[in-house]
Amino acid sequence: MKRCLALAVGLSASAMLAGLITATPASAATLLARCNTTGASGGVTVDNFSGATDEIKFFMGVDDTLADGHHARIRLITKNAAGKNKYWAWHADYDGAGTSKEIRSYAHDDSGIFDVGIQVARFEGSSLLNSCTKWTTAT
């Protein structure tokens, strides 16, 4: 858990410093979200988000925080111009308590991406046991 959070914070700090050096648009921001639920914790970082775009690059991490035989998952959520949520594919950490899974990827939506969030959950097989949802805030 500390590894994912430290990596997300480190990536954000690096991106913000790089943004100052390379003069990114004044409206670009780093988006962050993190949430915890019983047995799972996760977060997402989106750098250089200027809103109303059709593609974002992101980093997510999920931690399995409980030795209970269940596994942790995380997925990206985006909101388009019409306010409709798109739920992206789940990414699972099957390696047991105290382990993490990191995902570095991008999302493209022709309907636009106006807001970004995550859903973190604990699963038994394909059954969702509990979850949390958090939308990003700009830093």
C-alpha atoms as a PDB file:
ATOM      1  CA  MET A   1       0.000   0.000   0.000  1.00  0.00           C
ATOM      2  CA  LYS A   2       2.774   2.431   0.917  1.00  0.00           C
ATOM      3  CA  ARG A   3       4.594   1.540  -2.309  1.00  0.00           C
ATOM      4  CA  CYS A   4       1.610   2.469  -4.536  1.00  0.00           C
ATOM      5  CA  LEU A   5       0.929   5.689  -2.639  1.00  0.00           C
ATOM      6  CA  ALA A   6       4.595   6.689  -2.628  1.00  0.00           C
ATOM      7  CA  LEU A   7       4.867   5.928  -6.338  1.00  0.00           C
ATOM      8  CA  ALA A   8       1.702   7.895  -7.148  1.00  0.00           C
ATOM      9  CA  VAL A   9       2.881  10.866  -5.091  1.00  0.00           C
ATOM     10  CA  GLY A  10       6.372  10.638  -6.610  1.00  0.00           C
ATOM     11  CA  LEU A  11       4.982  10.507 -10.131  1.00  0.00           C
ATOM     12  CA  SER A  12       2.755  13.485  -9.417  1.00  0.00           C
ATOM     13  CA  ALA A  13       5.604  15.541  -7.990  1.00  0.00           C
ATOM     14  CA  SER A  14       7.831  14.659 -10.949  1.00  0.00           C
ATOM     15  CA  ALA A  15       5.114  15.543 -13.413  1.00  0.00           C
ATOM     16  CA  MET A  16       4.407  18.849 -11.704  1.00  0.00           C
ATOM     17  CA  LEU A  17       8.110  19.748 -11.752  1.00  0.00           C
ATOM     18  CA  ALA A  18       8.383  18.711 -15.400  1.00  0.00           C
ATOM     19  CA  GLY A  19       5.307  20.820 -16.127  1.00  0.00           C
ATOM     20  CA  LEU A  20       6.997  23.861 -14.653  1.00  0.00           C
ATOM     21  CA  ILE A  21      10.108  23.270 -16.716  1.00  0.00           C
ATOM     22  CA  THR A  22       8.361  22.471 -20.023  1.00  0.00           C
ATOM     23  CA  ALA A  23       5.645  25.121 -19.695  1.00  0.00           C
ATOM     24  CA  THR A  24       2.523  22.993 -20.083  1.00  0.00           C
ATOM     25  CA  PRO A  25      -0.759  24.853 -20.642  1.00  0.00           C
ATOM     26  CA  ALA A  26      -1.816  26.907 -17.640  1.00  0.00           C
ATOM     27  CA  SER A  27      -5.076  24.966 -17.355  1.00  0.00           C
ATOM     28  CA  ALA A  28      -3.421  21.507 -17.201  1.00  0.00           C
ATOM     29  CA  ALA A  29      -3.614  19.813 -13.803  1.00  0.00           C
ATOM     30  CA  THR A  30      -2.607  16.613 -12.083  1.00  0.00           C
ATOM     31  CA  LEU A  31      -5.657  14.651 -10.944  1.00  0.00           C
ATOM     32  CA  LEU A  32      -5.504  12.374  -7.903  1.00  0.00           C
ATOM     33  CA  ALA A  33      -7.985  10.029  -6.232  1.00  0.00           C
ATOM     34  CA  ARG A  34      -7.565   7.393  -3.546  1.00  0.00           C
ATOM     35  CA  CYS A  35     -10.073   5.279  -1.630  1.00  0.00           C
ATOM     36  CA  ASN A  36     -10.088   2.425   0.853  1.00  0.00           C
ATOM     37  CA  THR A  37     -12.617  -0.303   1.538  1.00  0.00           C
ATOM     38  CA  THR A  38     -12.389  -3.401   3.700  1.00  0.00           C
ATOM     39  CA  GLY A  39      -9.576  -5.510   2.252  1.00  0.00           C
ATOM     40  CA  ALA A  40      -8.567  -3.184  -0.591  1.00  0.00           C
ATOM     41  CA  SER A  41      -6.992   0.213  -1.145  1.00  0.00           C
ATOM     42  CA  GLY A  42      -6.121   2.001  -4.360  1.00  0.00           C
ATOM     43  CA  GLY A  43      -5.488   5.197  -6.199  1.00  0.00           C
ATOM     44  CA  VAL A  44      -5.108   6.855  -9.584  1.00  0.00           C
ATOM     45  CA  THR A  45      -2.976   9.699 -10.934  1.00  0.00           C
ATOM     46  CA  VAL A  46      -3.669  11.500 -14.218  1.00  0.00           C
ATOM     47  CA  ASP A  47      -1.024  14.021 -15.246  1.00  0.00           C
ATOM     48  CA  ASN A  48      -1.516  16.995 -17.575  1.00  0.00           C
ATOM     49  CA  PHE A  49      -5.313  16.843 -17.558  1.00  0.00           C
ATOM     50  CA  SER A  50      -6.795  19.935 -19.133  1.00  0.00           C
ATOM     51  CA  GLY A  51     -10.390  18.708 -19.329  1.00  0.00           C
ATOM     52  CA  ALA A  52     -12.578  18.043 -22.331  1.00  0.00           C
ATOM     53  CA  THR A  53     -10.171  15.591 -23.925  1.00  0.00           C
ATOM     54  CA  ASP A  54     -10.684  12.267 -25.674  1.00  0.00           C
ATOM     55  CA  GLU A  55      -7.590  10.531 -24.234  1.00  0.00           C
ATOM     56  CA  ILE A  56      -5.787  10.409 -20.912  1.00  0.00           C
ATOM     57  CA  LYS A  57      -2.688   8.627 -19.652  1.00  0.00           C
ATOM     58  CA  PHE A  58      -2.977   7.330 -16.117  1.00  0.00           C
ATOM     59  CA  PHE A  59      -1.286   5.348 -13.366  1.00  0.00           C
ATOM     60  CA  MET A  60      -3.316   3.195 -10.940  1.00  0.00           C
ATOM     61  CA  GLY A  61      -2.322   0.997  -8.053  1.00  0.00           C
ATOM     62  CA  VAL A  62      -4.330  -1.403  -5.908  1.00  0.00           C
ATOM     63  CA  ASP A  63      -3.328  -3.106  -2.656  1.00  0.00           C
ATOM     64  CA  ASP A  64      -4.749  -6.231  -1.040  1.00  0.00           C
ATOM     65  CA  THR A  65      -4.867  -5.171   2.608  1.00  0.00           C
ATOM     66  CA  LEU A  66      -6.487  -8.129   4.369  1.00  0.00           C
ATOM     67  CA  ALA A  67      -5.483 -11.794   4.748  1.00  0.00           C
ATOM     68  CA  ASP A  68      -9.000 -13.062   4.120  1.00  0.00           C
ATOM     69  CA  GLY A  69      -8.696 -15.248   0.995  1.00  0.00           C
ATOM     70  CA  HIS A  70     -10.356 -12.598  -1.195  1.00  0.00           C
ATOM     71  CA  HIS A  71      -8.650 -10.444  -3.821  1.00  0.00           C
ATOM     72  CA  ALA A  72      -8.516  -6.712  -4.548  1.00  0.00           C
ATOM     73  CA  ARG A  73      -9.447  -5.010  -7.815  1.00  0.00           C
ATOM     74  CA  ILE A  74      -9.393  -1.502  -9.252  1.00  0.00           C
ATOM     75  CA  ARG A  75     -10.930   0.090 -12.328  1.00  0.00           C
ATOM     76  CA  LEU A  76     -11.011   3.479 -13.980  1.00  0.00           C
ATOM     77  CA  ILE A  77     -14.251   5.424 -14.332  1.00  0.00           C
ATOM     78  CA  THR A  78     -14.621   8.339 -16.751  1.00  0.00           C
ATOM     79  CA  LYS A  79     -17.478  10.759 -17.353  1.00  0.00           C
ATOM     80  CA  ASN A  80     -18.296  12.098 -20.828  1.00  0.00           C
ATOM     81  CA  ALA A  81     -19.826  15.407 -21.978  1.00  0.00           C
ATOM     82  CA  ALA A  82     -23.371  14.082 -21.435  1.00  0.00           C
ATOM     83  CA  GLY A  83     -22.505  13.152 -17.834  1.00  0.00           C
ATOM     84  CA  LYS A  84     -22.592   9.412 -18.572  1.00  0.00           C
ATOM     85  CA  ASN A  85     -20.113   7.238 -16.672  1.00  0.00           C
ATOM     86  CA  LYS A  86     -17.947   4.692 -18.462  1.00  0.00           C
ATOM     87  CA  TYR A  87     -16.678   1.835 -16.300  1.00  0.00           C
ATOM     88  CA  TRP A  88     -13.414   0.441 -17.663  1.00  0.00           C
ATOM     89  CA  ALA A  89     -12.039  -3.090 -17.157  1.00  0.00           C
ATOM     90  CA  TRP A  90     -11.153  -4.354 -13.691  1.00  0.00           C
ATOM     91  CA  HIS A  91      -7.484  -4.991 -12.807  1.00  0.00           C
ATOM     92  CA  ALA A  92      -6.970  -7.593 -10.071  1.00  0.00           C
ATOM     93  CA  ASP A  93      -4.312  -8.336  -7.471  1.00  0.00           C
ATOM     94  CA  TYR A  94      -4.542 -12.105  -6.871  1.00  0.00           C
ATOM     95  CA  ASP A  95      -1.234 -12.383  -4.976  1.00  0.00           C
ATOM     96  CA  GLY A  96      -2.628 -12.116  -1.435  1.00  0.00           C
ATOM     97  CA  ALA A  97      -2.500  -9.787   1.523  1.00  0.00           C
ATOM     98  CA  GLY A  98       0.254  -7.192   1.532  1.00  0.00           C
ATOM     99  CA  THR A  99       0.735  -7.240  -2.251  1.00  0.00           C
ATOM    100  CA  SER A 100       0.073  -4.607  -4.914  1.00  0.00           C
ATOM    101  CA  LYS A 101      -0.716  -4.388  -8.601  1.00  0.00           C
ATOM    102  CA  GLU A 102       0.280  -1.349 -10.636  1.00  0.00           C
ATOM    103  CA  ILE A 103      -1.263  -0.326 -13.950  1.00  0.00           C
ATOM    104  CA  ARG A 104       0.139   2.286 -16.303  1.00  0.00           C
ATOM    105  CA  SER A 105      -2.093   2.808 -19.334  1.00  0.00           C
ATOM    106  CA  TYR A 106      -4.326   5.191 -21.241  1.00  0.00           C
ATOM    107  CA  ALA A 107      -8.052   5.589 -21.861  1.00  0.00           C
ATOM    108  CA  HIS A 108      -9.573   6.863 -25.106  1.00  0.00           C
ATOM    109  CA  ASP A 109     -13.238   7.798 -25.503  1.00  0.00           C
ATOM    110  CA  ASP A 110     -14.593   9.522 -28.618  1.00  0.00           C
ATOM    111  CA  SER A 111     -17.451  10.864 -26.444  1.00  0.00           C
ATOM    112  CA  GLY A 112     -14.883  12.821 -24.453  1.00  0.00           C
ATOM    113  CA  ILE A 113     -13.394  12.539 -20.983  1.00  0.00           C
ATOM    114  CA  PHE A 114     -14.497  15.329 -18.656  1.00  0.00           C
ATOM    115  CA  ASP A 115     -13.968  13.713 -15.270  1.00  0.00           C
ATOM    116  CA  VAL A 116     -11.972  10.746 -13.929  1.00  0.00           C
ATOM    117  CA  GLY A 117     -12.514   8.434 -10.967  1.00  0.00           C
ATOM    118  CA  ILE A 118     -11.745   4.974  -9.632  1.00  0.00           C
ATOM    119  CA  GLN A 119     -13.584   2.107  -8.068  1.00  0.00           C
ATOM    120  CA  VAL A 120     -11.660  -0.130  -5.643  1.00  0.00           C
ATOM    121  CA  ALA A 121     -13.188  -3.404  -4.512  1.00  0.00           C
ATOM    122  CA  ARG A 122     -12.760  -6.710  -2.756  1.00  0.00           C
ATOM    123  CA  PHE A 123     -13.946  -9.766  -4.685  1.00  0.00           C
ATOM    124  CA  GLU A 124     -14.649 -13.427  -4.050  1.00  0.00           C
ATOM    125  CA  GLY A 125     -14.217 -14.997  -7.479  1.00  0.00           C
ATOM    126  CA  SER A 126     -16.386 -12.836  -9.756  1.00  0.00           C
ATOM    127  CA  SER A 127     -18.637 -11.587  -6.925  1.00  0.00           C
ATOM    128  CA  LEU A 128     -18.075  -8.037  -5.674  1.00  0.00           C
ATOM    129  CA  LEU A 129     -18.127  -8.062  -1.870  1.00  0.00           C
ATOM    130  CA  ASN A 130     -17.584  -4.374  -1.089  1.00  0.00           C
ATOM    131  CA  SER A 131     -16.220  -1.303  -2.835  1.00  0.00           C
ATOM    132  CA  CYS A 132     -15.512   2.398  -2.714  1.00  0.00           C
ATOM    133  CA  THR A 133     -15.654   5.007  -5.470  1.00  0.00           C
ATOM    134  CA  LYS A 134     -13.720   8.258  -5.588  1.00  0.00           C
ATOM    135  CA  TRP A 135     -13.550  10.995  -8.220  1.00  0.00           C
ATOM    136  CA  THR A 136     -10.298  12.847  -8.767  1.00  0.00           C
ATOM    137  CA  THR A 137      -9.464  16.308  -7.592  1.00  0.00           C
ATOM    138  CA  ALA A 138      -6.917  18.617  -9.189  1.00  0.00           C
ATOM    139  CA  THR A 139      -3.657  19.365  -7.424  1.00  0.00           C
END
